[in-house]
C-alpha atoms as a PDB file:
ATOM      1  CA  UNK A   1      67.532 -93.743-195.983  1.00  0.00           C
ATOM      2  CA  UNK A   2      64.457 -91.603-196.607  1.00  0.00           C
ATOM      3  CA  UNK A   3      65.305 -87.977-196.365  1.00  0.00           C
ATOM      4  CA  UNK A   4      64.009 -84.517-198.259  1.00  0.00           C
ATOM      5  CA  UNK A   5      64.911 -84.307-201.863  1.00  0.00           C
ATOM      6  CA  UNK A   6      67.812 -81.898-202.920  1.00  0.00           C
ATOM      7  CA  UNK A   7      68.539 -80.403-206.206  1.00  0.00           C
ATOM      8  CA  UNK A   8      71.534 -82.894-206.476  1.00  0.00           C
ATOM      9  CA  UNK A   9      69.036 -85.326-206.923  1.00  0.00           C
ATOM     10  CA  UNK A  10      67.553 -83.845-210.311  1.00  0.00           C
ATOM     11  CA  UNK A  11      69.300 -86.707-212.582  1.00  0.00           C
ATOM     12  CA  UNK A  12      67.725 -89.475-210.425  1.00  0.00           C
ATOM     13  CA  UNK A  13      64.327 -87.598-210.217  1.00  0.00           C
ATOM     14  CA  UNK A  14      64.586 -87.684-214.036  1.00  0.00           C
ATOM     15  CA  UNK A  15      65.424 -91.226-214.488  1.00  0.00           C
ATOM     16  CA  UNK A  16      62.822 -92.317-212.093  1.00  0.00           C
ATOM     17  CA  UNK A  17      60.163 -90.498-213.560  1.00  0.00           C
ATOM     18  CA  UNK A  18      60.607 -92.341-216.775  1.00  0.00           C
ATOM     19  CA  UNK A  19      60.245 -95.723-214.867  1.00  0.00           C
ATOM     20  CA  UNK A  20      57.313 -94.357-213.553  1.00  0.00           C
ATOM     21  CA  UNK A  21      55.893 -93.568-217.103  1.00  0.00           C
ATOM     22  CA  UNK A  22      56.438 -90.019-217.225  1.00  0.00           C
ATOM     23  CA  UNK A  23      59.969 -89.557-219.189  1.00  0.00           C
ATOM     24  CA  UNK A  24      61.651 -85.848-218.413  1.00  0.00           C
ATOM     25  CA  UNK A  25      65.173 -84.418-219.353  1.00  0.00           C
ATOM     26  CA  UNK A  26      67.030 -83.661-216.680  1.00  0.00           C
ATOM     27  CA  UNK A  27      66.843 -79.658-218.059  1.00  0.00           C
ATOM     28  CA  UNK A  28      63.081 -79.719-217.575  1.00  0.00           C
ATOM     29  CA  UNK A  29      63.495 -81.667-214.162  1.00  0.00           C
ATOM     30  CA  UNK A  30      65.673 -79.276-212.685  1.00  0.00           C
ATOM     31  CA  UNK A  31      63.320 -76.361-213.442  1.00  0.00           C
ATOM     32  CA  UNK A  32      60.527 -78.294-211.780  1.00  0.00           C
ATOM     33  CA  UNK A  33      62.412 -79.634-209.201  1.00  0.00           C
ATOM     34  CA  UNK A  34      63.742 -76.071-208.304  1.00  0.00           C
ATOM     35  CA  UNK A  35      59.924 -74.675-208.186  1.00  0.00           C
ATOM     36  CA  UNK A  36      58.699 -77.504-206.182  1.00  0.00           C
ATOM     37  CA  UNK A  37      61.368 -76.954-203.619  1.00  0.00           C
ATOM     38  CA  UNK A  38      60.659 -73.054-203.133  1.00  0.00           C
ATOM     39  CA  UNK A  39      56.889 -74.290-202.453  1.00  0.00           C
ATOM     40  CA  UNK A  40      56.131 -74.733-199.352  1.00  0.00           C
ATOM     41  CA  UNK A  41      52.626 -76.667-199.907  1.00  0.00           C
ATOM     42  CA  UNK A  42      54.845 -79.273-201.686  1.00  0.00           C
ATOM     43  CA  UNK A  43      57.119 -82.396-200.123  1.00  0.00           C
ATOM     44  CA  UNK A  44      59.399 -84.581-202.131  1.00  0.00           C
ATOM     45  CA  UNK A  45      61.442 -87.248-200.198  1.00  0.00           C
ATOM     46  CA  UNK A  46      63.502 -89.805-201.839  1.00  0.00           C
ATOM     47  CA  UNK A  47      64.758 -93.348-200.696  1.00  0.00           C
ATOM     48  CA  UNK A  48      68.740 -93.808-201.045  1.00  0.00           C
ATOM     49  CA  UNK A  49      69.729 -97.675-201.650  1.00  0.00           C
ATOM     50  CA  UNK A  50      71.555 -99.017-198.534  1.00  0.00           C
ATOM     51  CA  UNK A  51      74.493-100.466-200.185  1.00  0.00           C
ATOM     52  CA  UNK A  52      75.680 -97.458-202.467  1.00  0.00           C
ATOM     53  CA  UNK A  53      73.204 -94.511-201.217  1.00  0.00           C
ATOM     54  CA  UNK A  54      71.976 -94.405-204.870  1.00  0.00           C
ATOM     55  CA  UNK A  55      68.560 -92.652-204.767  1.00  0.00           C
ATOM     56  CA  UNK A  56      66.348 -95.476-205.722  1.00  0.00           C
ATOM     57  CA  UNK A  57      63.105 -93.976-204.926  1.00  0.00           C
ATOM     58  CA  UNK A  58      60.763 -91.031-204.480  1.00  0.00           C
ATOM     59  CA  UNK A  59      57.522 -89.715-203.526  1.00  0.00           C
ATOM     60  CA  UNK A  60      56.327 -86.148-204.025  1.00  0.00           C
ATOM     61  CA  UNK A  61      53.004 -84.892-202.506  1.00  0.00           C
ATOM     62  CA  UNK A  62      51.215 -81.383-202.056  1.00  0.00           C
ATOM     63  CA  UNK A  63      49.105 -80.185-199.482  1.00  0.00           C
ATOM     64  CA  UNK A  64      45.047 -80.292-200.729  1.00  0.00           C
ATOM     65  CA  UNK A  65      42.275 -78.606-199.474  1.00  0.00           C
ATOM     66  CA  UNK A  66      39.070 -78.207-201.512  1.00  0.00           C
ATOM     67  CA  UNK A  67      36.430 -75.895-200.668  1.00  0.00           C
ATOM     68  CA  UNK A  68      34.097 -79.160-200.877  1.00  0.00           C
ATOM     69  CA  UNK A  69      35.573 -80.433-198.160  1.00  0.00           C
ATOM     70  CA  UNK A  70      36.922 -79.495-194.650  1.00  0.00           C
ATOM     71  CA  UNK A  71      39.313 -82.152-194.491  1.00  0.00           C
ATOM     72  CA  UNK A  72      43.322 -81.031-195.163  1.00  0.00           C
ATOM     73  CA  UNK A  73      45.000 -83.989-196.830  1.00  0.00           C
ATOM     74  CA  UNK A  74      48.165 -84.614-198.526  1.00  0.00           C
ATOM     75  CA  UNK A  75      47.446 -85.611-202.148  1.00  0.00           C
ATOM     76  CA  UNK A  76      50.317 -88.006-203.730  1.00  0.00           C
ATOM     77  CA  UNK A  77      51.369 -86.442-207.326  1.00  0.00           C
ATOM     78  CA  UNK A  78      53.847 -89.514-207.730  1.00  0.00           C
ATOM     79  CA  UNK A  79      55.405 -92.612-205.862  1.00  0.00           C
ATOM     80  CA  UNK A  80      58.171 -94.739-207.565  1.00  0.00           C
ATOM     81  CA  UNK A  81      60.936 -97.145-206.917  1.00  0.00           C
ATOM     82  CA  UNK A  82      63.268 -98.307-209.431  1.00  0.00           C
ATOM     83  CA  UNK A  83      62.456-101.795-210.695  1.00  0.00           C
ATOM     84  CA  UNK A  84      65.123-103.745-209.110  1.00  0.00           C
ATOM     85  CA  UNK A  85      64.632-102.198-205.818  1.00  0.00           C
ATOM     86  CA  UNK A  86      60.814-103.068-205.463  1.00  0.00           C
ATOM     87  CA  UNK A  87      60.130-105.489-202.831  1.00  0.00           C
ATOM     88  CA  UNK A  88      62.392-104.425-200.423  1.00  0.00           C
ATOM     89  CA  UNK A  89      60.226-102.144-198.481  1.00  0.00           C
ATOM     90  CA  UNK A  90      61.460 -98.270-199.670  1.00  0.00           C
ATOM     91  CA  UNK A  91      57.888 -98.041-201.129  1.00  0.00           C
ATOM     92  CA  UNK A  92      56.701 -98.622-197.951  1.00  0.00           C
ATOM     93  CA  UNK A  93      59.095 -96.403-195.965  1.00  0.00           C
ATOM     94  CA  UNK A  94      58.617 -93.367-198.439  1.00  0.00           C
ATOM     95  CA  UNK A  95      54.487 -93.637-197.427  1.00  0.00           C
ATOM     96  CA  UNK A  96      55.428 -93.684-193.757  1.00  0.00           C
ATOM     97  CA  UNK A  97      57.720 -91.068-193.861  1.00  0.00           C
ATOM     98  CA  UNK A  98      54.533 -89.352-195.499  1.00  0.00           C
ATOM     99  CA  UNK A  99      52.284 -90.142-193.209  1.00  0.00           C
ATOM    100  CA  UNK A 100      54.601 -88.979-190.180  1.00  0.00           C
ATOM    101  CA  UNK A 101      54.834 -85.542-192.125  1.00  0.00           C
ATOM    102  CA  UNK A 102      51.323 -85.346-192.372  1.00  0.00           C
ATOM    103  CA  UNK A 103      50.622 -85.988-188.771  1.00  0.00           C
ATOM    104  CA  UNK A 104      53.044 -83.692-187.806  1.00  0.00           C
ATOM    105  CA  UNK A 105      51.387 -80.883-189.748  1.00  0.00           C
ATOM    106  CA  UNK A 106      47.914 -81.920-188.631  1.00  0.00           C
ATOM    107  CA  UNK A 107      46.540 -83.202-191.865  1.00  0.00           C
ATOM    108  CA  UNK A 108      44.160 -86.078-191.518  1.00  0.00           C
ATOM    109  CA  UNK A 109      44.325 -88.069-194.679  1.00  0.00           C
ATOM    110  CA  UNK A 110      46.434 -89.086-197.678  1.00  0.00           C
ATOM    111  CA  UNK A 111      45.211 -89.288-201.048  1.00  0.00           C
ATOM    112  CA  UNK A 112      46.322 -90.643-204.068  1.00  0.00           C
ATOM    113  CA  UNK A 113      45.439 -91.733-207.553  1.00  0.00           C
ATOM    114  CA  UNK A 114      46.519 -95.022-209.410  1.00  0.00           C
ATOM    115  CA  UNK A 115      45.748 -95.757-213.149  1.00  0.00           C
ATOM    116  CA  UNK A 116      43.523 -98.622-213.508  1.00  0.00           C
ATOM    117  CA  UNK A 117      46.310-100.635-215.201  1.00  0.00           C
ATOM    118  CA  UNK A 118      48.477-100.686-212.310  1.00  0.00           C
ATOM    119  CA  UNK A 119      47.069-103.729-210.407  1.00  0.00           C
ATOM    120  CA  UNK A 120      50.466-104.409-208.715  1.00  0.00           C
ATOM    121  CA  UNK A 121      50.456-100.779-207.345  1.00  0.00           C
ATOM    122  CA  UNK A 122      46.925-101.271-205.956  1.00  0.00           C
ATOM    123  CA  UNK A 123      48.115-104.470-204.372  1.00  0.00           C
ATOM    124  CA  UNK A 124      50.444-102.593-202.605  1.00  0.00           C
ATOM    125  CA  UNK A 125      48.504 -99.471-201.545  1.00  0.00           C
ATOM    126  CA  UNK A 126      45.899-101.873-200.184  1.00  0.00           C
ATOM    127  CA  UNK A 127      48.685-103.953-198.293  1.00  0.00           C
ATOM    128  CA  UNK A 128      49.882-100.534-196.997  1.00  0.00           C
ATOM    129  CA  UNK A 129      46.205 -99.755-195.515  1.00  0.00           C
ATOM    130  CA  UNK A 130      44.932 -97.210-198.327  1.00  0.00           C
ATOM    131  CA  UNK A 131      41.588 -98.271-199.591  1.00  0.00           C
ATOM    132  CA  UNK A 132      40.129 -97.671-203.029  1.00  0.00           C
ATOM    133  CA  UNK A 133      36.837 -95.686-202.372  1.00  0.00           C
ATOM    134  CA  UNK A 134      36.650 -93.888-205.698  1.00  0.00           C
ATOM    135  CA  UNK A 135      36.515 -94.665-209.026  1.00  0.00           C
ATOM    136  CA  UNK A 136      36.971 -91.538-211.897  1.00  0.00           C
ATOM    137  CA  UNK A 137      38.120 -91.361-215.383  1.00  0.00           C
ATOM    138  CA  UNK A 138      40.856 -88.435-215.687  1.00  0.00           C
ATOM    139  CA  UNK A 139      40.389 -85.545-218.519  1.00  0.00           C
ATOM    140  CA  UNK A 140      42.984 -83.322-219.925  1.00  0.00           C
ATOM    141  CA  UNK A 141      43.010 -80.802-222.629  1.00  0.00           C
ATOM    142  CA  UNK A 142      46.376 -79.824-224.041  1.00  0.00           C
ATOM    143  CA  UNK A 143      46.553 -75.891-224.609  1.00  0.00           C
END
């Protein structure tokens, strides 16, 4: 089942963030989740396992509208499924939920970035109908 994330999901979201490669404490995740759930430009959906109802995946996205484009997009900030649940259709279900939400909101496209080392993820996105049309490097400066 795919549903909107809730505060009660924080432990699973923190754990899954680590699976994605971004470890975070439950305390920090709770702070971020509280803020994110209050922000109407952000969406977080979770996937629950059928057998036990455990949250085993999530997708987070934000509305993205740049001055240089007339197109309103959803920008995927993260998509992850537990390692033991991959290949069962949960990632695709999460993307389809976001796509349905985009259509309902009049959003014309979904954009996502994926690290060049994530080759399996790239194959997954291509199988879901996503096309790689841009190559870039990410720069960050810690303040």
